Structure formats: C-alpha cells, structure tokens
Protein backbone atom coordinates (compact mmCIF):
# COMPACT_ATOMS: atom_id res chain seq x y z
CA MET A 1 55.72 -99.08 12.43
CA ASP A 2 53.57 -98.02 9.68
CA SER A 3 52.25 -94.49 8.51
CA SER A 4 49.37 -94.78 11.12
CA GLY A 5 51.79 -95.44 13.88
CA SER A 6 50.76 -99.11 14.36
CA THR A 7 53.35 -101.75 14.85
CA THR A 8 53.46 -104.03 12.00
CA GLY A 9 53.71 -107.92 12.23
CA THR A 10 57.24 -107.97 11.35
CA GLU A 11 58.22 -105.79 14.11
CA ARG A 12 56.26 -107.62 16.74
CA SER A 13 58.01 -110.81 15.66
CA ALA A 14 61.65 -109.18 16.00
CA ARG A 15 61.07 -108.34 19.67
CA ASP A 16 63.03 -110.10 22.25
CA ARG A 17 61.63 -113.25 23.77
CA ASP A 18 62.52 -115.55 26.66
CA PRO A 19 62.68 -119.10 26.18
CA GLU A 20 58.89 -119.61 26.95
CA GLY A 21 58.39 -117.02 23.86
CA ARG A 22 57.27 -114.15 26.35
CA ALA A 23 58.28 -110.56 25.29
CA ARG A 24 61.31 -109.82 27.31
CA SER A 25 64.20 -107.27 26.38
CA SER A 26 67.54 -108.69 26.17
CA ARG A 27 69.08 -105.17 26.50
CA PRO A 28 71.83 -105.01 29.33
CA ARG A 29 70.65 -103.20 32.39
CA ASP A 30 72.41 -101.16 35.05
CA GLY A 31 72.49 -101.57 38.76
CA LEU A 32 69.15 -99.60 38.99
CA GLY A 33 67.45 -101.60 36.33
CA ARG A 34 67.60 -99.09 33.45
CA PRO A 35 68.28 -100.51 30.09
CA LEU A 36 71.62 -99.69 28.45
CA PRO A 37 72.46 -99.98 24.74
CA TYR A 38 72.75 -103.30 23.16
CA GLY A 39 76.55 -104.38 23.49
CA ALA A 40 77.19 -102.36 26.74
CA ALA A 41 78.34 -104.11 29.93
CA GLY A 42 75.35 -104.43 32.19
CA VAL A 43 74.79 -105.95 35.63
CA GLU A 44 73.82 -109.64 35.57
CA ARG A 45 70.00 -109.94 35.84
CA GLN A 46 68.38 -111.56 38.56
CA PRO A 47 66.64 -114.99 37.37
CA GLU A 48 62.65 -114.91 37.70
CA GLY A 49 60.54 -117.22 38.95
CA VAL A 50 62.94 -118.62 41.58
CA VAL A 51 61.34 -120.14 44.58
CA ARG A 52 63.39 -119.61 47.75
CA THR A 53 62.67 -120.14 51.46
CA PRO A 54 61.66 -116.87 53.15
CA ARG A 55 65.11 -116.67 55.02
CA ASP A 56 66.94 -117.11 51.79
CA THR A 57 64.76 -114.31 50.16
CA VAL A 58 65.79 -111.90 52.85
CA VAL A 59 69.36 -112.77 52.84
CA GLU A 60 69.38 -112.30 49.04
CA ALA A 61 67.59 -109.20 49.08
CA GLN A 62 69.77 -107.61 51.68
CA ALA A 63 73.00 -108.33 49.73
CA LEU A 64 71.52 -106.93 46.78
CA LEU A 65 70.29 -103.81 48.53
CA ASP A 66 73.74 -103.41 50.24
CA ALA A 67 75.46 -103.47 46.80
CA GLY A 68 73.24 -100.56 45.55
CA LYS A 69 70.96 -102.74 43.38
CA PRO A 70 67.31 -102.40 44.89
CA PHE A 71 65.57 -103.10 41.58
CA HIS A 72 67.18 -106.52 41.62
CA ALA A 73 66.10 -107.09 45.34
CA HIS A 74 62.74 -105.98 44.22
CA GLU A 75 62.77 -108.89 41.69
CA VAL A 76 63.89 -111.19 44.72
CA PHE A 77 60.80 -109.97 46.59
CA GLU A 78 58.41 -110.34 43.75
CA ASP A 79 59.47 -114.06 43.38
CA ALA A 80 58.42 -114.34 46.74
CA TRP A 81 55.29 -112.62 46.65
CA LYS A 82 54.22 -114.61 43.52
CA SER A 83 55.29 -117.99 45.00
CA GLY A 84 54.62 -117.80 48.54
CA PRO A 85 51.71 -118.68 50.62
CA GLU A 86 48.51 -116.53 50.23
CA ALA A 87 48.64 -115.35 53.62
CA GLU A 88 52.15 -113.70 53.08
CA ARG A 89 51.62 -112.18 49.69
CA ALA A 90 51.01 -108.68 50.97
CA LEU A 91 54.01 -108.84 53.16
CA TRP A 92 56.46 -109.37 50.24
CA ARG A 93 54.48 -107.08 47.74
CA GLY A 94 54.98 -104.45 50.52
CA LEU A 95 58.90 -105.28 50.63
CA ALA A 96 59.14 -105.27 46.87
CA GLN A 97 57.25 -101.76 46.85
CA LEU A 98 60.08 -100.52 49.16
CA ALA A 99 62.85 -101.86 46.96
CA VAL A 100 61.25 -100.41 43.81
CA GLY A 101 60.46 -97.25 45.73
CA LEU A 102 64.11 -96.93 46.60
CA THR A 103 65.00 -97.68 43.08
CA HIS A 104 63.06 -94.83 41.74
CA ALA A 105 64.48 -92.32 44.41
CA ALA A 106 67.97 -93.40 43.05
CA ARG A 107 66.92 -92.73 39.39
CA GLY A 108 65.73 -89.20 40.39
CA ASN A 109 61.90 -90.02 40.25
CA LEU A 110 61.10 -87.43 42.99
CA THR A 111 57.33 -88.18 42.73
CA GLY A 112 57.33 -91.91 42.35
CA GLY A 113 60.09 -92.94 44.84
CA PRO A 114 58.42 -91.34 47.79
CA ARG A 115 54.93 -92.59 46.69
CA LEU A 116 56.27 -96.08 46.46
CA LEU A 117 58.05 -96.05 49.52
CA ARG A 118 55.01 -94.91 51.51
CA ARG A 119 52.87 -97.39 49.90
CA GLY A 120 55.13 -100.33 50.68
CA ALA A 121 55.40 -98.83 54.35
CA GLY A 122 51.69 -98.72 54.64
CA ALA A 123 51.26 -102.32 53.16
CA MET A 124 53.73 -103.82 55.62
CA GLU A 125 52.11 -102.17 58.59
CA GLU A 126 48.73 -103.47 57.68
CA TRP A 127 50.21 -106.87 56.98
CA ALA A 128 51.81 -106.73 60.69
CA ALA A 129 48.41 -105.50 62.05
CA GLY A 130 46.50 -108.30 60.40
CA SER A 131 48.88 -111.25 61.24
CA GLY A 132 50.06 -110.06 64.56
CA ASP A 133 53.66 -110.52 63.69
CA GLY A 134 55.85 -107.45 63.45
CA ARG A 135 58.98 -109.59 62.91
CA PRO A 136 58.49 -112.47 60.39
CA TYR A 137 61.69 -114.01 59.46
CA GLY A 138 63.32 -111.50 61.69
CA LEU A 139 62.54 -108.62 59.50
CA ASP A 140 61.79 -105.33 61.44
CA LEU A 141 58.65 -104.04 59.64
CA ALA A 142 58.22 -101.18 61.98
CA GLY A 143 61.86 -100.02 61.37
CA LEU A 144 61.35 -100.73 57.82
CA ALA A 145 58.29 -98.51 57.59
CA GLY A 146 59.94 -95.77 59.62
CA TRP A 147 63.02 -95.90 57.14
CA ALA A 148 60.65 -95.85 54.19
CA ARG A 149 58.79 -92.67 55.32
CA GLU A 150 62.07 -90.96 56.52
CA LEU A 151 63.71 -91.69 52.97
CA ALA A 152 60.37 -90.54 51.11
CA ALA A 153 60.52 -87.11 53.11
CA ALA A 154 64.15 -86.59 52.63
CA VAL A 155 63.60 -87.07 48.74
CA GLU A 156 60.85 -84.53 48.90
CA ARG A 157 62.89 -81.98 50.96
CA THR A 158 66.08 -81.91 49.06
CA GLY A 159 64.62 -82.72 45.46
CA ALA A 160 67.44 -84.85 44.76
CA ALA A 161 68.19 -88.74 43.80
CA VAL A 162 69.75 -90.73 46.72
CA ASP A 163 72.62 -93.19 46.42
CA ALA A 164 70.90 -96.53 46.45
CA GLY A 165 73.71 -98.31 48.38
CA GLY A 166 74.15 -95.57 51.06
CA SER A 167 70.37 -95.39 51.41
CA ALA A 168 69.73 -99.07 51.63
CA PRO A 169 67.83 -100.40 54.80
CA ARG A 170 68.73 -103.16 57.13
CA LEU A 171 65.95 -105.85 56.60
CA ARG A 172 66.67 -107.43 60.21
C-alpha cells in the first residue's frame, strides 16, 4: 500500500490466485470457514463449481452439517443454486442462507446469524408456496424453516454462539 492507502500494482499481483487467475486466498480455513494463519493445519475446502444431483447435494450437505461444517455445506448448496435449473435456484439459495446463518451463529455473529437464518426460512417458504412442493428431494422445508426461526430466536435470547454440529438441522 502506498502512503495514500491505495494498493500498489505489486501488491495486487502478489495476491493468491486460483488456476483460472481469480483472486482466491490460499490461507487454510477452520471448520467454520474462518481464515487461519498460513502454515496452520486447516480443514479441507469444498471444491467450487461441482455439479451434483439434487439428492447428492442434500446427502453431502447433511454430512457437512453433521460434522459441524455449515460453511462448507453452504458452498455445496451454492453450487446447486448456481448450476441447477432456474426454477430451483431460490430453493438452493434459501438452503445456502440457512447454512451460512448457522455459520454466523456459530461464529458468534449475534445479528447476522439470526438475520440470515430468517432470510433463508422465508426464501424456502416462498419457494414452496410458489412451486406447490414442500418436500422437494425429501427436504422438509416447513421443518427447516421452523428450525431456522427457533435457532434465530435462541441466539438472540441467549446472546451466545451456538455449537454448529450440535445445532445442525436434519434436512429430511
């Protein structure tokens, strides 16, 4: 950075890049997706841009949620949101918001966590109402929306971070 606070060309070119040249930090991450110092042991990242069947998406996301890795489950849902049919994008986006809401609640973000949990619940309910399908791929959308709202209220009531694995929802 120069004296004006601007990033210099040298610093920009020294940024971590993925194989396609996009900026992507290579710092290791913990189970909640927080960056760790270079050289620290981290959790293996989810590959991005993977196209899975909807059922495989649900199975993989559930395993990650059960393991206390909601940030990683969010990335799995995000892949489905970005690669799936247009008619299902709001469903997968809502599920991604639930997972990232749990991530923030587990990180101790007592404002953002509940907000994202409620946003995801609303998105799933809206999708279910519009599609007429409350159990796509065996997902219990009404149960998930209820779980999200209850967890949001508990975080606000207690003012404490939650255990990601212990608070993880059952998707089906």
